[in-house]
Amino acid sequence: MIETLVWLIAFGVILFLSLKSWDGALGKAFERRLPHTFKGSDDDRWIWSVGLAVIGATFIVRPVSMLLTLLLMGLIAWIVVKLARWGLSKTH
C-alpha cells in the first residue's frame, strides 16, 4: 500500500513538472531529438509527459528492477544490431 502511494505521488509530481516545463527546455529537447515523423500536435506533451512520469515513478519506487530492465533491453538491442550488421555483411 505504501509503495503504491509513493508511486502515485511520484507520478503526480513528475507529471506536473514535465507538463510545466514542456514550453521550456523539455519541449525544446524533444523537438530537437525526435524525428519529423514522431512530431505531431499539442497532444504530444501529454503522451510524452505521462510516459516520463511512469518511467520516473517506477525508477523511484523500484530502482534496481528498473536498472536491470534497462540493462537487459540494452543488451537485447545490442545483440539485434550486431546480428543485423552481420546479416547485412553476408548479403553483399
N, C-alpha and C. Protein backbone atom coordinates (compact mmCIF):
# COMPACT_ATOMS: atom_id res chain seq x y z
N MET A 1 0.82 -1.19 0.00
CA MET A 1 0.00 0.00 0.00
C MET A 1 0.87 1.26 0.00
N ILE A 2 1.91 1.26 0.81
CA ILE A 2 2.81 2.41 0.88
C ILE A 2 3.54 2.58 -0.45
N GLU A 3 3.94 1.47 -1.05
CA GLU A 3 4.64 1.54 -2.33
C GLU A 3 3.75 2.15 -3.41
N THR A 4 2.49 1.77 -3.42
CA THR A 4 1.55 2.33 -4.39
C THR A 4 1.33 3.82 -4.15
N LEU A 5 1.23 4.20 -2.90
CA LEU A 5 1.04 5.61 -2.57
C LEU A 5 2.26 6.44 -2.98
N VAL A 6 3.45 5.93 -2.71
CA VAL A 6 4.68 6.63 -3.12
C VAL A 6 4.74 6.73 -4.63
N TRP A 7 4.37 5.65 -5.35
CA TRP A 7 4.38 5.67 -6.81
C TRP A 7 3.41 6.71 -7.34
N LEU A 8 2.21 6.76 -6.77
CA LEU A 8 1.21 7.74 -7.23
C LEU A 8 1.65 9.17 -6.96
N ILE A 9 2.25 9.43 -5.82
CA ILE A 9 2.74 10.77 -5.51
C ILE A 9 3.88 11.14 -6.46
N ALA A 10 4.82 10.22 -6.68
CA ALA A 10 5.93 10.49 -7.60
C ALA A 10 5.42 10.71 -9.01
N PHE A 11 4.45 9.91 -9.42
CA PHE A 11 3.85 10.06 -10.75
C PHE A 11 3.22 11.44 -10.90
N GLY A 12 2.46 11.86 -9.92
CA GLY A 12 1.81 13.17 -10.00
C GLY A 12 2.80 14.32 -10.04
N VAL A 13 3.83 14.23 -9.22
CA VAL A 13 4.84 15.30 -9.18
C VAL A 13 5.61 15.37 -10.50
N ILE A 14 6.03 14.23 -11.01
CA ILE A 14 6.79 14.21 -12.25
C ILE A 14 5.91 14.65 -13.42
N LEU A 15 4.65 14.23 -13.44
CA LEU A 15 3.74 14.66 -14.50
C LEU A 15 3.54 16.17 -14.45
N PHE A 16 3.32 16.70 -13.27
CA PHE A 16 3.12 18.15 -13.12
C PHE A 16 4.35 18.92 -13.59
N LEU A 17 5.53 18.48 -13.15
CA LEU A 17 6.75 19.18 -13.51
C LEU A 17 7.07 19.08 -15.00
N SER A 18 6.81 17.92 -15.60
CA SER A 18 7.09 17.79 -17.02
C SER A 18 6.10 18.59 -17.87
N LEU A 19 4.85 18.65 -17.46
CA LEU A 19 3.88 19.48 -18.19
C LEU A 19 4.21 20.96 -18.03
N LYS A 20 4.67 21.33 -16.85
CA LYS A 20 5.00 22.72 -16.59
C LYS A 20 6.22 23.16 -17.40
N SER A 21 7.20 22.27 -17.55
CA SER A 21 8.42 22.64 -18.26
C SER A 21 8.39 22.30 -19.75
N TRP A 22 7.24 21.87 -20.27
CA TRP A 22 7.17 21.50 -21.67
C TRP A 22 7.42 22.68 -22.60
N ASP A 23 6.94 23.87 -22.24
CA ASP A 23 7.16 25.05 -23.08
C ASP A 23 8.59 25.56 -22.97
N GLY A 24 9.32 25.08 -22.02
CA GLY A 24 10.71 25.49 -21.83
C GLY A 24 11.68 24.48 -22.41
N ALA A 25 12.57 24.02 -21.58
CA ALA A 25 13.68 23.17 -22.02
C ALA A 25 13.23 21.77 -22.43
N LEU A 26 12.25 21.21 -21.75
CA LEU A 26 11.85 19.83 -22.05
C LEU A 26 11.24 19.72 -23.44
N GLY A 27 10.34 20.61 -23.78
CA GLY A 27 9.72 20.57 -25.11
C GLY A 27 10.72 20.82 -26.22
N LYS A 28 11.65 21.73 -25.98
CA LYS A 28 12.67 22.01 -26.99
C LYS A 28 13.61 20.83 -27.17
N ALA A 29 13.91 20.13 -26.08
CA ALA A 29 14.77 18.95 -26.17
C ALA A 29 14.10 17.86 -27.00
N PHE A 30 12.79 17.66 -26.80
CA PHE A 30 12.07 16.68 -27.60
C PHE A 30 11.99 17.11 -29.05
N GLU A 31 11.81 18.39 -29.31
CA GLU A 31 11.75 18.88 -30.68
C GLU A 31 13.06 18.64 -31.41
N ARG A 32 14.18 18.82 -30.72
CA ARG A 32 15.48 18.62 -31.34
C ARG A 32 15.80 17.15 -31.58
N ARG A 33 15.37 16.29 -30.68
CA ARG A 33 15.79 14.89 -30.73
C ARG A 33 14.86 13.97 -31.53
N LEU A 34 13.59 14.32 -31.61
CA LEU A 34 12.65 13.44 -32.28
C LEU A 34 12.68 13.61 -33.79
N PRO A 35 12.55 12.52 -34.54
CA PRO A 35 12.43 12.64 -35.99
C PRO A 35 11.10 13.33 -36.36
N HIS A 36 11.04 13.83 -37.56
CA HIS A 36 9.86 14.59 -38.00
C HIS A 36 8.59 13.73 -37.96
N THR A 37 8.72 12.44 -38.21
CA THR A 37 7.52 11.58 -38.23
C THR A 37 6.91 11.40 -36.85
N PHE A 38 7.69 11.57 -35.79
CA PHE A 38 7.17 11.43 -34.43
C PHE A 38 6.57 12.72 -33.90
N LYS A 39 6.85 13.82 -34.57
CA LYS A 39 6.32 15.11 -34.13
C LYS A 39 4.89 15.23 -34.60
N GLY A 40 4.05 15.66 -33.71
CA GLY A 40 2.63 15.74 -34.05
C GLY A 40 2.03 17.05 -33.61
N SER A 41 1.03 16.95 -32.78
CA SER A 41 0.29 18.12 -32.36
C SER A 41 0.60 18.45 -30.90
N ASP A 42 -0.26 19.24 -30.30
CA ASP A 42 -0.09 19.60 -28.89
C ASP A 42 -0.36 18.43 -27.96
N ASP A 43 -0.95 17.36 -28.46
CA ASP A 43 -1.19 16.19 -27.63
C ASP A 43 0.11 15.47 -27.27
N ASP A 44 1.18 15.77 -27.99
CA ASP A 44 2.46 15.14 -27.69
C ASP A 44 2.92 15.43 -26.29
N ARG A 45 2.62 16.62 -25.80
CA ARG A 45 3.06 16.96 -24.45
C ARG A 45 2.44 16.03 -23.43
N TRP A 46 1.21 15.62 -23.63
CA TRP A 46 0.56 14.72 -22.69
C TRP A 46 1.11 13.30 -22.81
N ILE A 47 1.32 12.85 -24.02
CA ILE A 47 1.81 11.48 -24.23
C ILE A 47 3.21 11.33 -23.64
N TRP A 48 4.12 12.23 -23.99
CA TRP A 48 5.49 12.13 -23.51
C TRP A 48 5.59 12.40 -22.02
N SER A 49 4.78 13.31 -21.51
CA SER A 49 4.81 13.61 -20.07
C SER A 49 4.33 12.43 -19.24
N VAL A 50 3.26 11.78 -19.69
CA VAL A 50 2.77 10.59 -18.97
C VAL A 50 3.81 9.47 -19.04
N GLY A 51 4.43 9.30 -20.19
CA GLY A 51 5.48 8.28 -20.32
C GLY A 51 6.65 8.55 -19.40
N LEU A 52 7.09 9.80 -19.36
CA LEU A 52 8.19 10.17 -18.45
C LEU A 52 7.79 9.98 -17.00
N ALA A 53 6.54 10.31 -16.67
CA ALA A 53 6.08 10.16 -15.28
C ALA A 53 6.03 8.70 -14.87
N VAL A 54 5.57 7.83 -15.75
CA VAL A 54 5.52 6.39 -15.43
C VAL A 54 6.93 5.84 -15.22
N ILE A 55 7.83 6.17 -16.14
CA ILE A 55 9.20 5.68 -16.02
C ILE A 55 9.88 6.25 -14.77
N GLY A 56 9.69 7.55 -14.53
CA GLY A 56 10.31 8.17 -13.36
C GLY A 56 9.78 7.63 -12.05
N ALA A 57 8.46 7.46 -11.96
CA ALA A 57 7.88 6.93 -10.72
C ALA A 57 8.31 5.49 -10.48
N THR A 58 8.38 4.70 -11.53
CA THR A 58 8.84 3.32 -11.38
C THR A 58 10.30 3.28 -10.97
N PHE A 59 11.09 4.19 -11.51
CA PHE A 59 12.50 4.25 -11.14
C PHE A 59 12.68 4.66 -9.69
N ILE A 60 11.81 5.53 -9.19
CA ILE A 60 11.90 5.95 -7.79
C ILE A 60 11.50 4.81 -6.85
N VAL A 61 10.45 4.06 -7.21
CA VAL A 61 9.94 3.01 -6.33
C VAL A 61 10.80 1.75 -6.39
N ARG A 62 11.20 1.35 -7.58
CA ARG A 62 11.98 0.11 -7.75
C ARG A 62 13.20 0.38 -8.63
N PRO A 63 14.23 1.03 -8.09
CA PRO A 63 15.38 1.40 -8.93
C PRO A 63 16.20 0.21 -9.42
N VAL A 64 16.35 -0.81 -8.61
CA VAL A 64 17.17 -1.96 -9.02
C VAL A 64 16.48 -2.72 -10.15
N SER A 65 15.19 -2.95 -10.03
CA SER A 65 14.45 -3.63 -11.09
C SER A 65 14.47 -2.82 -12.38
N MET A 66 14.37 -1.52 -12.24
CA MET A 66 14.38 -0.66 -13.43
C MET A 66 15.75 -0.69 -14.10
N LEU A 67 16.81 -0.62 -13.32
CA LEU A 67 18.15 -0.68 -13.90
C LEU A 67 18.41 -2.01 -14.58
N LEU A 68 17.99 -3.09 -13.94
CA LEU A 68 18.18 -4.40 -14.56
C LEU A 68 17.37 -4.52 -15.85
N THR A 69 16.16 -3.98 -15.87
CA THR A 69 15.35 -4.00 -17.08
C THR A 69 16.00 -3.18 -18.19
N LEU A 70 16.52 -2.01 -17.84
CA LEU A 70 17.20 -1.19 -18.85
C LEU A 70 18.46 -1.87 -19.38
N LEU A 71 19.21 -2.51 -18.49
CA LEU A 71 20.39 -3.25 -18.94
C LEU A 71 20.01 -4.40 -19.86
N LEU A 72 18.96 -5.12 -19.52
CA LEU A 72 18.51 -6.22 -20.36
C LEU A 72 18.04 -5.72 -21.72
N MET A 73 17.29 -4.63 -21.73
CA MET A 73 16.83 -4.06 -23.01
C MET A 73 18.01 -3.58 -23.85
N GLY A 74 19.01 -2.97 -23.20
CA GLY A 74 20.20 -2.53 -23.92
C GLY A 74 20.98 -3.70 -24.50
N LEU A 75 21.10 -4.78 -23.74
CA LEU A 75 21.80 -5.97 -24.22
C LEU A 75 21.08 -6.59 -25.40
N ILE A 76 19.77 -6.67 -25.33
CA ILE A 76 18.99 -7.23 -26.43
C ILE A 76 19.13 -6.36 -27.67
N ALA A 77 19.06 -5.03 -27.50
CA ALA A 77 19.21 -4.12 -28.63
C ALA A 77 20.60 -4.25 -29.25
N TRP A 78 21.62 -4.37 -28.42
CA TRP A 78 22.98 -4.51 -28.91
C TRP A 78 23.14 -5.80 -29.73
N ILE A 79 22.56 -6.89 -29.24
CA ILE A 79 22.63 -8.17 -29.96
C ILE A 79 21.89 -8.08 -31.29
N VAL A 80 20.73 -7.45 -31.29
CA VAL A 80 19.96 -7.31 -32.54
C VAL A 80 20.74 -6.49 -33.56
N VAL A 81 21.37 -5.40 -33.12
CA VAL A 81 22.15 -4.56 -34.05
C VAL A 81 23.34 -5.35 -34.59
N LYS A 82 24.03 -6.08 -33.74
CA LYS A 82 25.17 -6.88 -34.19
C LYS A 82 24.73 -7.96 -35.19
N LEU A 83 23.62 -8.63 -34.91
CA LEU A 83 23.12 -9.65 -35.83
C LEU A 83 22.68 -9.03 -37.15
N ALA A 84 22.06 -7.87 -37.09
CA ALA A 84 21.64 -7.20 -38.33
C ALA A 84 22.84 -6.80 -39.17
N ARG A 85 23.88 -6.26 -38.52
CA ARG A 85 25.09 -5.90 -39.26
C ARG A 85 25.76 -7.12 -39.85
N TRP A 86 25.81 -8.21 -39.10
CA TRP A 86 26.41 -9.44 -39.60
C TRP A 86 25.61 -9.97 -40.79
N GLY A 87 24.30 -9.95 -40.68
CA GLY A 87 23.45 -10.42 -41.78
C GLY A 87 23.58 -9.56 -43.02
N LEU A 88 23.67 -8.26 -42.85
CA LEU A 88 23.84 -7.37 -44.00
C LEU A 88 25.20 -7.53 -44.65
N SER A 89 26.22 -7.81 -43.85
CA SER A 89 27.54 -8.01 -44.43
C SER A 89 27.61 -9.31 -45.24
N LYS A 90 26.80 -10.29 -44.90
CA LYS A 90 26.79 -11.56 -45.63
C LYS A 90 26.01 -11.45 -46.95
N THR A 91 25.11 -10.48 -47.05
CA THR A 91 24.31 -10.37 -48.27
C THR A 91 25.03 -9.64 -49.38
N HIS A 92 26.03 -8.84 -49.05
CA HIS A 92 26.75 -8.10 -50.09
C HIS A 92 27.83 -8.92 -50.59
